[in-house]
Amino acid sequence: MPANYLVYRGFPEPAIEGVRVSFLQKKLSLYLDLIRWSRPAGWLLLLWPTLGALWVAAGGFPGWHLLAVFVLGTVLMRSAGCCINDVADREFDRHVKRTANRPVTSGVVSVKEALGVGAVLALVSFALVLTTNGLTVALSFAALAVTLIYPYAKRWVSMPQAVLGVAFGMGIPMAFAAVQGQVPTLAWVLMLGNLAWVLAYDTEYAMVDRDDDLKIGIQTSAITLGRFDVPAVVLFYLIFIVLWTLALRPEGLGAIYMVGIGLALAQVVWHFTLIRGRSRDGCFKAFRLNHWLGATVFAGVMLGYALR
């Protein structure tokens, strides 16, 4: 629209500015929807284990610099991942009830726009990583590679949630690298435990869309596990909690950490009651509440070091 069009048609100059502001507001709203800004549960699922690893690596509070780098980096990279995932899955998403109205799938945000937003967010995240050390920077490239691979894993991998688990767990070795300049065995054990947790909650997520996914022919852990999905989810939860409990036992985090573990186990029981009927609503509710389980374990770690 020419800059003087509204004036020529008899509209005052402020109307032009109003149109521009309205356009920018609409675009911002679409981009925020693209990165799931109103649904923070996604980036919280990445944040809690990353912060837990940061506290363990530092033996307590890691300092404001690293805390800011990993909190902001987690939010930015998860948001960038949403952009990549929506572009990769746009043809599948139109056939799934829950995802049919996503911005890229519905066409209100173009593929080029989505990739542009994702690239900007990833670059800002990378700039944050550059303030750490060389090993952390090197691991960030591995994290980016897995993030790019994951959206396509469901086309060839029977349990793509395992690939997501690797992507979501990369913050753990990066946290140790940033603090200690190395990645000890402890970091990999914690990452393995976190992988089990991702398998638990993302299988719950996949159970929501199982009927649609079967129709369009993509693979998920919910489909692969079949009637063993519910017991497998519980088993994944238990592997996560057992590995983190045993791995952190030498840290001497005391009774407060065990209280956190006990509360996490109570949430596992609650999740079982939500998913055992395999209803869409129950499975989706269980998935959305997982960030509280992660927050509980992190709170136990943080308080354990504070009171040690």
C-alpha atoms as a PDB file:
ATOM      1  CA  MET A   1       0.000   0.000   0.000  1.00  0.00           C
ATOM      2  CA  PRO A   2       1.528   3.419  -0.983  1.00  0.00           C
ATOM      3  CA  ALA A   3       2.378   5.626   1.993  1.00  0.00           C
ATOM      4  CA  ASN A   4      -0.008   8.392   0.874  1.00  0.00           C
ATOM      5  CA  TYR A   5      -2.912   6.136  -0.116  1.00  0.00           C
ATOM      6  CA  LEU A   6      -5.063   6.669   2.977  1.00  0.00           C
ATOM      7  CA  VAL A   7      -4.468  10.437   2.888  1.00  0.00           C
ATOM      8  CA  TYR A   8      -5.420  10.514  -0.786  1.00  0.00           C
ATOM      9  CA  ARG A   9      -8.636   8.646   0.047  1.00  0.00           C
ATOM     10  CA  GLY A  10      -9.515  11.233   2.673  1.00  0.00           C
ATOM     11  CA  PHE A  11      -8.127   9.515   5.787  1.00  0.00           C
ATOM     12  CA  PRO A  12      -5.970  11.599   8.130  1.00  0.00           C
ATOM     13  CA  GLU A  13      -2.226  10.858   8.417  1.00  0.00           C
ATOM     14  CA  PRO A  14      -2.585   9.138  11.843  1.00  0.00           C
ATOM     15  CA  ALA A  15      -4.673   6.439  10.165  1.00  0.00           C
ATOM     16  CA  ILE A  16      -1.607   5.350   8.194  1.00  0.00           C
ATOM     17  CA  GLU A  17       0.398   4.966  11.370  1.00  0.00           C
ATOM     18  CA  GLY A  18      -2.497   3.086  12.950  1.00  0.00           C
ATOM     19  CA  VAL A  19      -2.505   0.585  10.081  1.00  0.00           C
ATOM     20  CA  ARG A  20       1.254   0.090  10.457  1.00  0.00           C
ATOM     21  CA  VAL A  21       0.994  -0.442  14.207  1.00  0.00           C
ATOM     22  CA  SER A  22      -1.913  -2.851  13.771  1.00  0.00           C
ATOM     23  CA  PHE A  23       0.074  -4.808  11.158  1.00  0.00           C
ATOM     24  CA  LEU A  24       3.121  -5.060  13.420  1.00  0.00           C
ATOM     25  CA  GLN A  25       0.994  -6.097  16.381  1.00  0.00           C
ATOM     26  CA  LYS A  26      -0.635  -8.822  14.310  1.00  0.00           C
ATOM     27  CA  LYS A  27       2.742 -10.097  13.106  1.00  0.00           C
ATOM     28  CA  LEU A  28       4.140 -10.097  16.641  1.00  0.00           C
ATOM     29  CA  SER A  29       1.097 -12.023  17.856  1.00  0.00           C
ATOM     30  CA  LEU A  30       1.568 -14.624  15.107  1.00  0.00           C
ATOM     31  CA  TYR A  31       5.275 -15.015  15.864  1.00  0.00           C
ATOM     32  CA  LEU A  32       4.565 -15.428  19.575  1.00  0.00           C
ATOM     33  CA  ASP A  33       2.035 -18.109  18.705  1.00  0.00           C
ATOM     34  CA  LEU A  34       4.627 -19.742  16.442  1.00  0.00           C
ATOM     35  CA  ILE A  35       7.107 -20.099  19.332  1.00  0.00           C
ATOM     36  CA  ARG A  36       4.347 -21.170  21.795  1.00  0.00           C
ATOM     37  CA  TRP A  37       4.972 -18.135  24.026  1.00  0.00           C
ATOM     38  CA  SER A  38       1.645 -18.554  25.806  1.00  0.00           C
ATOM     39  CA  ARG A  39       2.488 -22.195  26.587  1.00  0.00           C
ATOM     40  CA  PRO A  40       5.698 -22.115  28.650  1.00  0.00           C
ATOM     41  CA  ALA A  41       5.469 -25.760  29.731  1.00  0.00           C
ATOM     42  CA  GLY A  42       7.635 -26.723  26.743  1.00  0.00           C
ATOM     43  CA  TRP A  43      10.677 -24.666  27.639  1.00  0.00           C
ATOM     44  CA  LEU A  44      10.250 -25.416  31.335  1.00  0.00           C
ATOM     45  CA  LEU A  45      10.699 -29.107  30.508  1.00  0.00           C
ATOM     46  CA  LEU A  46      14.141 -28.215  29.139  1.00  0.00           C
ATOM     47  CA  LEU A  47      14.966 -25.673  31.807  1.00  0.00           C
ATOM     48  CA  TRP A  48      14.625 -27.702  35.028  1.00  0.00           C
ATOM     49  CA  PRO A  49      17.105 -30.501  34.205  1.00  0.00           C
ATOM     50  CA  THR A  50      19.511 -27.963  32.696  1.00  0.00           C
ATOM     51  CA  LEU A  51      19.432 -25.874  35.859  1.00  0.00           C
ATOM     52  CA  GLY A  52      19.762 -29.019  37.951  1.00  0.00           C
ATOM     53  CA  ALA A  53      22.938 -29.920  36.029  1.00  0.00           C
ATOM     54  CA  LEU A  54      24.217 -26.362  36.395  1.00  0.00           C
ATOM     55  CA  TRP A  55      23.787 -26.516  40.190  1.00  0.00           C
ATOM     56  CA  VAL A  56      25.431 -29.952  40.397  1.00  0.00           C
ATOM     57  CA  ALA A  57      28.365 -28.886  38.213  1.00  0.00           C
ATOM     58  CA  ALA A  58      28.944 -25.773  40.327  1.00  0.00           C
ATOM     59  CA  GLY A  59      28.254 -27.461  43.673  1.00  0.00           C
ATOM     60  CA  GLY A  60      25.588 -24.833  44.336  1.00  0.00           C
ATOM     61  CA  PHE A  61      24.650 -21.453  42.856  1.00  0.00           C
ATOM     62  CA  PRO A  62      26.512 -21.157  39.506  1.00  0.00           C
ATOM     63  CA  GLY A  63      26.614 -17.341  39.353  1.00  0.00           C
ATOM     64  CA  TRP A  64      24.381 -14.859  37.579  1.00  0.00           C
ATOM     65  CA  HIS A  65      26.242 -14.949  34.272  1.00  0.00           C
ATOM     66  CA  LEU A  66      25.844 -18.682  33.641  1.00  0.00           C
ATOM     67  CA  LEU A  67      22.335 -18.659  35.075  1.00  0.00           C
ATOM     68  CA  ALA A  68      21.307 -15.959  32.584  1.00  0.00           C
ATOM     69  CA  VAL A  69      23.050 -17.699  29.664  1.00  0.00           C
ATOM     70  CA  PHE A  70      21.324 -21.033  30.270  1.00  0.00           C
ATOM     71  CA  VAL A  71      17.882 -19.669  31.114  1.00  0.00           C
ATOM     72  CA  LEU A  72      17.758 -17.351  28.103  1.00  0.00           C
ATOM     73  CA  GLY A  73      19.485 -19.883  25.852  1.00  0.00           C
ATOM     74  CA  THR A  74      16.976 -22.584  26.790  1.00  0.00           C
ATOM     75  CA  VAL A  75      13.997 -20.359  26.029  1.00  0.00           C
ATOM     76  CA  LEU A  76      15.491 -19.139  22.745  1.00  0.00           C
ATOM     77  CA  MET A  77      16.521 -22.562  21.446  1.00  0.00           C
ATOM     78  CA  ARG A  78      13.223 -24.167  22.353  1.00  0.00           C
ATOM     79  CA  SER A  79      11.467 -21.350  20.504  1.00  0.00           C
ATOM     80  CA  ALA A  80      13.738 -21.818  17.491  1.00  0.00           C
ATOM     81  CA  GLY A  81      13.004 -25.553  17.630  1.00  0.00           C
ATOM     82  CA  CYS A  82       9.268 -24.831  17.430  1.00  0.00           C
ATOM     83  CA  CYS A  83       9.829 -22.854  14.219  1.00  0.00           C
ATOM     84  CA  ILE A  84      11.843 -25.685  12.642  1.00  0.00           C
ATOM     85  CA  ASN A  85       9.408 -28.351  13.799  1.00  0.00           C
ATOM     86  CA  ASP A  86       6.360 -26.516  12.446  1.00  0.00           C
ATOM     87  CA  VAL A  87       7.984 -26.086   9.033  1.00  0.00           C
ATOM     88  CA  ALA A  88       9.020 -29.740   8.868  1.00  0.00           C
ATOM     89  CA  ASP A  89       5.629 -31.034  10.044  1.00  0.00           C
ATOM     90  CA  ARG A  90       3.330 -28.597   8.248  1.00  0.00           C
ATOM     91  CA  GLU A  91       1.908 -31.258   5.895  1.00  0.00           C
ATOM     92  CA  PHE A  92       1.356 -33.731   8.747  1.00  0.00           C
ATOM     93  CA  ASP A  93      -0.035 -31.123  11.156  1.00  0.00           C
ATOM     94  CA  ARG A  94      -2.953 -30.222   8.902  1.00  0.00           C
ATOM     95  CA  HIS A  95      -4.348 -33.747   9.456  1.00  0.00           C
ATOM     96  CA  VAL A  96      -4.062 -33.646  13.272  1.00  0.00           C
ATOM     97  CA  LYS A  97      -6.877 -32.023  15.257  1.00  0.00           C
ATOM     98  CA  ARG A  98      -4.591 -30.435  17.845  1.00  0.00           C
ATOM     99  CA  THR A  99      -2.111 -28.904  15.379  1.00  0.00           C
ATOM    100  CA  ALA A 100      -4.198 -27.992  12.329  1.00  0.00           C
ATOM    101  CA  ASN A 101      -4.361 -24.313  13.289  1.00  0.00           C
ATOM    102  CA  ARG A 102      -0.669 -23.746  13.932  1.00  0.00           C
ATOM    103  CA  PRO A 103       0.553 -20.581  12.138  1.00  0.00           C
ATOM    104  CA  VAL A 104       2.673 -22.295   9.477  1.00  0.00           C
ATOM    105  CA  THR A 105       0.193 -25.115   8.897  1.00  0.00           C
ATOM    106  CA  SER A 106      -2.722 -22.714   8.481  1.00  0.00           C
ATOM    107  CA  GLY A 107      -0.664 -20.455   6.208  1.00  0.00           C
ATOM    108  CA  VAL A 108      -0.822 -17.246   8.262  1.00  0.00           C
ATOM    109  CA  VAL A 109       2.969 -17.438   8.692  1.00  0.00           C
ATOM    110  CA  SER A 110       5.037 -18.431   5.652  1.00  0.00           C
ATOM    111  CA  VAL A 111       7.769 -21.044   5.685  1.00  0.00           C
ATOM    112  CA  LYS A 112      10.324 -18.336   4.930  1.00  0.00           C
ATOM    113  CA  GLU A 113       9.115 -16.221   7.844  1.00  0.00           C
ATOM    114  CA  ALA A 114       9.155 -19.153  10.270  1.00  0.00           C
ATOM    115  CA  LEU A 115      12.691 -20.146   9.266  1.00  0.00           C
ATOM    116  CA  GLY A 116      13.781 -16.522   9.544  1.00  0.00           C
ATOM    117  CA  VAL A 117      12.394 -16.201  13.069  1.00  0.00           C
ATOM    118  CA  GLY A 118      14.008 -19.512  14.038  1.00  0.00           C
ATOM    119  CA  ALA A 119      17.382 -18.443  12.627  1.00  0.00           C
ATOM    120  CA  VAL A 120      17.342 -15.134  14.523  1.00  0.00           C
ATOM    121  CA  LEU A 121      16.485 -16.857  17.797  1.00  0.00           C
ATOM    122  CA  ALA A 122      19.212 -19.486  17.275  1.00  0.00           C
ATOM    123  CA  LEU A 123      21.797 -16.805  16.488  1.00  0.00           C
ATOM    124  CA  VAL A 124      20.956 -14.859  19.640  1.00  0.00           C
ATOM    125  CA  SER A 125      21.251 -18.077  21.634  1.00  0.00           C
ATOM    126  CA  PHE A 126      24.614 -18.791  20.012  1.00  0.00           C
ATOM    127  CA  ALA A 127      25.811 -15.304  20.919  1.00  0.00           C
ATOM    128  CA  LEU A 128      25.062 -16.145  24.554  1.00  0.00           C
ATOM    129  CA  VAL A 129      27.021 -19.406  24.309  1.00  0.00           C
ATOM    130  CA  LEU A 130      30.013 -17.488  22.934  1.00  0.00           C
ATOM    131  CA  THR A 131      30.369 -15.836  26.357  1.00  0.00           C
ATOM    132  CA  THR A 132      31.244 -19.247  27.911  1.00  0.00           C
ATOM    133  CA  ASN A 133      34.132 -21.458  26.700  1.00  0.00           C
ATOM    134  CA  GLY A 134      35.247 -23.453  23.678  1.00  0.00           C
ATOM    135  CA  LEU A 135      33.916 -26.831  24.822  1.00  0.00           C
ATOM    136  CA  THR A 136      30.461 -25.388  25.477  1.00  0.00           C
ATOM    137  CA  VAL A 137      30.487 -23.741  22.053  1.00  0.00           C
ATOM    138  CA  ALA A 138      31.444 -27.061  20.427  1.00  0.00           C
ATOM    139  CA  LEU A 139      28.637 -28.872  22.252  1.00  0.00           C
ATOM    140  CA  SER A 140      26.179 -26.198  21.096  1.00  0.00           C
ATOM    141  CA  PHE A 141      26.802 -27.267  17.478  1.00  0.00           C
ATOM    142  CA  ALA A 142      25.960 -30.858  18.415  1.00  0.00           C
ATOM    143  CA  ALA A 143      22.811 -29.615  20.158  1.00  0.00           C
ATOM    144  CA  LEU A 144      21.792 -27.658  17.052  1.00  0.00           C
ATOM    145  CA  ALA A 145      22.386 -30.685  14.817  1.00  0.00           C
ATOM    146  CA  VAL A 146      20.106 -32.902  16.922  1.00  0.00           C
ATOM    147  CA  THR A 147      17.488 -30.132  17.019  1.00  0.00           C
ATOM    148  CA  LEU A 148      17.491 -30.016  13.211  1.00  0.00           C
ATOM    149  CA  ILE A 149      17.328 -33.804  12.905  1.00  0.00           C
ATOM    150  CA  TYR A 150      14.474 -34.430  15.347  1.00  0.00           C
ATOM    151  CA  PRO A 151      11.528 -33.130  13.247  1.00  0.00           C
ATOM    152  CA  TYR A 152      12.389 -35.668  10.544  1.00  0.00           C
ATOM    153  CA  ALA A 153      13.058 -38.594  12.907  1.00  0.00           C
ATOM    154  CA  LYS A 154       9.400 -39.590  13.088  1.00  0.00           C
ATOM    155  CA  ARG A 155       9.559 -40.517   9.398  1.00  0.00           C
ATOM    156  CA  TRP A 156      12.168 -43.250   9.957  1.00  0.00           C
ATOM    157  CA  VAL A 157      12.584 -43.925  13.700  1.00  0.00           C
ATOM    158  CA  SER A 158      10.029 -46.069  15.527  1.00  0.00           C
ATOM    159  CA  MET A 159      10.539 -44.080  18.752  1.00  0.00           C
ATOM    160  CA  PRO A 160      11.483 -40.535  17.685  1.00  0.00           C
ATOM    161  CA  GLN A 161      10.945 -39.447  21.302  1.00  0.00           C
ATOM    162  CA  ALA A 162      14.415 -40.886  21.973  1.00  0.00           C
ATOM    163  CA  VAL A 163      15.903 -38.383  19.511  1.00  0.00           C
ATOM    164  CA  LEU A 164      13.949 -35.626  21.235  1.00  0.00           C
ATOM    165  CA  GLY A 165      15.365 -36.870  24.547  1.00  0.00           C
ATOM    166  CA  VAL A 166      18.901 -36.360  23.260  1.00  0.00           C
ATOM    167  CA  ALA A 167      18.015 -32.875  21.996  1.00  0.00           C
ATOM    168  CA  PHE A 168      16.330 -31.912  25.266  1.00  0.00           C
ATOM    169  CA  GLY A 169      19.229 -33.289  27.304  1.00  0.00           C
ATOM    170  CA  MET A 170      22.085 -31.428  25.598  1.00  0.00           C
ATOM    171  CA  GLY A 171      21.828 -28.629  28.135  1.00  0.00           C
ATOM    172  CA  ILE A 172      23.191 -31.032  30.771  1.00  0.00           C
ATOM    173  CA  PRO A 173      26.671 -31.677  29.309  1.00  0.00           C
ATOM    174  CA  MET A 174      26.786 -28.047  28.185  1.00  0.00           C
ATOM    175  CA  ALA A 175      26.174 -26.935  31.782  1.00  0.00           C
ATOM    176  CA  PHE A 176      29.055 -29.071  33.059  1.00  0.00           C
ATOM    177  CA  ALA A 177      31.282 -27.844  30.229  1.00  0.00           C
ATOM    178  CA  ALA A 178      30.491 -24.208  31.015  1.00  0.00           C
ATOM    179  CA  VAL A 179      31.244 -24.614  34.733  1.00  0.00           C
ATOM    180  CA  GLN A 180      34.048 -27.184  34.793  1.00  0.00           C
ATOM    181  CA  GLY A 181      35.515 -27.063  31.292  1.00  0.00           C
ATOM    182  CA  GLN A 182      34.888 -30.810  31.006  1.00  0.00           C
ATOM    183  CA  VAL A 183      31.995 -33.288  30.773  1.00  0.00           C
ATOM    184  CA  PRO A 184      32.383 -35.953  33.480  1.00  0.00           C
ATOM    185  CA  THR A 185      30.619 -39.314  33.596  1.00  0.00           C
ATOM    186  CA  LEU A 186      28.095 -37.836  36.033  1.00  0.00           C
ATOM    187  CA  ALA A 187      26.814 -35.495  33.318  1.00  0.00           C
ATOM    188  CA  TRP A 188      26.136 -38.376  30.925  1.00  0.00           C
ATOM    189  CA  VAL A 189      24.338 -40.375  33.628  1.00  0.00           C
ATOM    190  CA  LEU A 190      22.100 -37.377  34.380  1.00  0.00           C
ATOM    191  CA  MET A 191      21.496 -36.951  30.659  1.00  0.00           C
ATOM    192  CA  LEU A 192      20.522 -40.618  30.362  1.00  0.00           C
ATOM    193  CA  GLY A 193      18.073 -40.207  33.235  1.00  0.00           C
ATOM    194  CA  ASN A 194      16.647 -37.122  31.559  1.00  0.00           C
ATOM    195  CA  LEU A 195      16.258 -39.098  28.325  1.00  0.00           C
ATOM    196  CA  ALA A 196      14.020 -41.528  30.214  1.00  0.00           C
ATOM    197  CA  TRP A 197      11.936 -38.628  31.525  1.00  0.00           C
ATOM    198  CA  VAL A 198      11.507 -37.241  27.997  1.00  0.00           C
ATOM    199  CA  LEU A 199      10.390 -40.680  26.814  1.00  0.00           C
ATOM    200  CA  ALA A 200       7.798 -40.679  29.612  1.00  0.00           C
ATOM    201  CA  TYR A 201       6.213 -37.303  29.000  1.00  0.00           C
ATOM    202  CA  ASP A 202       6.511 -37.266  25.214  1.00  0.00           C
ATOM    203  CA  THR A 203       4.891 -40.687  25.015  1.00  0.00           C
ATOM    204  CA  GLU A 204       1.982 -39.169  26.979  1.00  0.00           C
ATOM    205  CA  TYR A 205       1.966 -36.388  24.379  1.00  0.00           C
ATOM    206  CA  ALA A 206       2.000 -38.936  21.532  1.00  0.00           C
ATOM    207  CA  MET A 207      -0.890 -40.829  23.115  1.00  0.00           C
ATOM    208  CA  VAL A 208      -3.044 -37.731  22.554  1.00  0.00           C
ATOM    209  CA  ASP A 209      -2.505 -37.852  18.781  1.00  0.00           C
ATOM    210  CA  ARG A 210      -2.258 -41.628  18.299  1.00  0.00           C
ATOM    211  CA  ASP A 211      -5.419 -41.967  16.163  1.00  0.00           C
ATOM    212  CA  ASP A 212      -4.398 -39.117  13.860  1.00  0.00           C
ATOM    213  CA  ASP A 213      -0.782 -40.321  13.621  1.00  0.00           C
ATOM    214  CA  LEU A 214      -1.933 -43.815  12.593  1.00  0.00           C
ATOM    215  CA  LYS A 215      -4.005 -42.317   9.775  1.00  0.00           C
ATOM    216  CA  ILE A 216      -1.172 -40.227   8.349  1.00  0.00           C
ATOM    217  CA  GLY A 217       1.469 -42.922   8.789  1.00  0.00           C
ATOM    218  CA  ILE A 218       4.053 -41.354  11.078  1.00  0.00           C
ATOM    219  CA  GLN A 219       5.829 -43.220  13.862  1.00  0.00           C
ATOM    220  CA  THR A 220       5.699 -42.430  17.587  1.00  0.00           C
ATOM    221  CA  SER A 221       6.512 -44.225  20.823  1.00  0.00           C
ATOM    222  CA  ALA A 222       2.781 -44.445  21.624  1.00  0.00           C
ATOM    223  CA  ILE A 223       2.202 -46.419  18.428  1.00  0.00           C
ATOM    224  CA  THR A 224       5.343 -48.551  18.803  1.00  0.00           C
ATOM    225  CA  LEU A 225       4.605 -49.461  22.417  1.00  0.00           C
ATOM    226  CA  GLY A 226       0.948 -50.249  21.682  1.00  0.00           C
ATOM    227  CA  ARG A 227      -0.897 -51.689  24.674  1.00  0.00           C
ATOM    228  CA  PHE A 228       2.271 -51.465  26.768  1.00  0.00           C
ATOM    229  CA  ASP A 229       2.300 -47.663  26.549  1.00  0.00           C
ATOM    230  CA  VAL A 230       1.048 -46.956  30.081  1.00  0.00           C
ATOM    231  CA  PRO A 231       3.403 -49.356  31.919  1.00  0.00           C
ATOM    232  CA  ALA A 232       6.277 -48.127  29.729  1.00  0.00           C
ATOM    233  CA  VAL A 233       5.586 -44.522  30.690  1.00  0.00           C
ATOM    234  CA  VAL A 234       5.667 -45.441  34.381  1.00  0.00           C
ATOM    235  CA  LEU A 235       8.891 -47.397  33.851  1.00  0.00           C
ATOM    236  CA  PHE A 236      10.508 -44.425  32.087  1.00  0.00           C
ATOM    237  CA  TYR A 237       9.572 -42.172  34.996  1.00  0.00           C
ATOM    238  CA  LEU A 238      11.096 -44.622  37.475  1.00  0.00           C
ATOM    239  CA  ILE A 239      14.332 -44.928  35.473  1.00  0.00           C
ATOM    240  CA  PHE A 240      14.651 -41.136  35.495  1.00  0.00           C
ATOM    241  CA  ILE A 241      14.118 -40.840  39.236  1.00  0.00           C
ATOM    242  CA  VAL A 242      16.334 -43.806  40.144  1.00  0.00           C
ATOM    243  CA  LEU A 243      19.238 -42.629  37.961  1.00  0.00           C
ATOM    244  CA  TRP A 244      19.145 -39.084  39.323  1.00  0.00           C
ATOM    245  CA  THR A 245      18.842 -40.358  42.896  1.00  0.00           C
ATOM    246  CA  LEU A 246      21.785 -42.756  42.611  1.00  0.00           C
ATOM    247  CA  ALA A 247      23.947 -40.383  40.573  1.00  0.00           C
ATOM    248  CA  LEU A 248      23.553 -37.545  43.078  1.00  0.00           C
ATOM    249  CA  ARG A 249      23.881 -39.677  46.192  1.00  0.00           C
ATOM    250  CA  PRO A 250      27.628 -38.882  46.551  1.00  0.00           C
ATOM    251  CA  GLU A 251      26.772 -35.165  46.527  1.00  0.00           C
ATOM    252  CA  GLY A 252      25.310 -35.465  50.030  1.00  0.00           C
ATOM    253  CA  LEU A 253      22.206 -33.392  49.312  1.00  0.00           C
ATOM    254  CA  GLY A 254      20.512 -34.667  52.435  1.00  0.00           C
ATOM    255  CA  ALA A 255      16.920 -35.252  53.442  1.00  0.00           C
ATOM    256  CA  ILE A 256      15.533 -32.251  51.539  1.00  0.00           C
ATOM    257  CA  TYR A 257      16.574 -33.801  48.220  1.00  0.00           C
ATOM    258  CA  MET A 258      14.922 -37.074  49.162  1.00  0.00           C
ATOM    259  CA  VAL A 259      11.750 -35.151  50.009  1.00  0.00           C
ATOM    260  CA  GLY A 260      11.857 -33.754  46.474  1.00  0.00           C
ATOM    261  CA  ILE A 261      12.309 -37.263  45.068  1.00  0.00           C
ATOM    262  CA  GLY A 262       9.378 -38.493  47.153  1.00  0.00           C
ATOM    263  CA  LEU A 263       7.155 -35.703  45.838  1.00  0.00           C
ATOM    264  CA  ALA A 264       8.253 -36.537  42.293  1.00  0.00           C
ATOM    265  CA  LEU A 265       7.251 -40.167  42.830  1.00  0.00           C
ATOM    266  CA  ALA A 266       3.864 -39.021  44.105  1.00  0.00           C
ATOM    267  CA  GLN A 267       3.397 -37.101  40.858  1.00  0.00           C
ATOM    268  CA  VAL A 268       4.255 -40.241  38.873  1.00  0.00           C
ATOM    269  CA  VAL A 269       1.396 -42.022  40.634  1.00  0.00           C
ATOM    270  CA  TRP A 270      -0.894 -39.089  39.781  1.00  0.00           C
ATOM    271  CA  HIS A 271       0.151 -39.224  36.130  1.00  0.00           C
ATOM    272  CA  PHE A 272      -0.611 -42.938  36.049  1.00  0.00           C
ATOM    273  CA  THR A 273      -4.173 -42.210  37.164  1.00  0.00           C
ATOM    274  CA  LEU A 274      -4.478 -39.623  34.383  1.00  0.00           C
ATOM    275  CA  ILE A 275      -3.208 -41.793  31.525  1.00  0.00           C
ATOM    276  CA  ARG A 276      -4.412 -45.291  32.440  1.00  0.00           C
ATOM    277  CA  GLY A 277      -7.709 -44.702  30.609  1.00  0.00           C
ATOM    278  CA  ARG A 278      -5.785 -43.377  27.556  1.00  0.00           C
ATOM    279  CA  SER A 279      -8.227 -40.498  27.068  1.00  0.00           C
ATOM    280  CA  ARG A 280      -6.982 -37.514  25.063  1.00  0.00           C
ATOM    281  CA  ASP A 281      -7.758 -35.092  27.876  1.00  0.00           C
ATOM    282  CA  GLY A 282      -6.095 -37.209  30.544  1.00  0.00           C
ATOM    283  CA  CYS A 283      -2.929 -37.815  28.538  1.00  0.00           C
ATOM    284  CA  PHE A 284      -2.621 -34.172  27.520  1.00  0.00           C
ATOM    285  CA  LYS A 285      -3.132 -33.014  31.100  1.00  0.00           C
ATOM    286  CA  ALA A 286      -0.424 -35.407  32.297  1.00  0.00           C
ATOM    287  CA  PHE A 287       1.971 -34.072  29.660  1.00  0.00           C
ATOM    288  CA  ARG A 288       1.283 -30.435  30.526  1.00  0.00           C
ATOM    289  CA  LEU A 289       1.871 -31.057  34.243  1.00  0.00           C
ATOM    290  CA  ASN A 290       5.304 -32.619  33.777  1.00  0.00           C
ATOM    291  CA  HIS A 291       7.130 -29.358  34.308  1.00  0.00           C
ATOM    292  CA  TRP A 292       6.012 -29.512  37.954  1.00  0.00           C
ATOM    293  CA  LEU A 293       7.729 -32.868  38.317  1.00  0.00           C
ATOM    294  CA  GLY A 294      10.926 -31.380  36.886  1.00  0.00           C
ATOM    295  CA  ALA A 295      10.596 -28.315  39.102  1.00  0.00           C
ATOM    296  CA  THR A 296      10.233 -30.557  42.160  1.00  0.00           C
ATOM    297  CA  VAL A 297      13.447 -32.452  41.419  1.00  0.00           C
ATOM    298  CA  PHE A 298      15.326 -29.202  40.724  1.00  0.00           C
ATOM    299  CA  ALA A 299      14.033 -27.644  43.945  1.00  0.00           C
ATOM    300  CA  GLY A 300      15.379 -30.664  45.819  1.00  0.00           C
ATOM    301  CA  VAL A 301      18.789 -30.222  44.174  1.00  0.00           C
ATOM    302  CA  MET A 302      18.931 -26.476  44.773  1.00  0.00           C
ATOM    303  CA  LEU A 303      17.822 -26.691  48.423  1.00  0.00           C
ATOM    304  CA  GLY A 304      20.099 -29.674  49.001  1.00  0.00           C
ATOM    305  CA  TYR A 305      23.156 -27.617  48.061  1.00  0.00           C
ATOM    306  CA  ALA A 306      21.899 -24.555  49.921  1.00  0.00           C
ATOM    307  CA  LEU A 307      21.446 -26.487  53.176  1.00  0.00           C
ATOM    308  CA  ARG A 308      24.471 -28.756  52.878  1.00  0.00           C
END
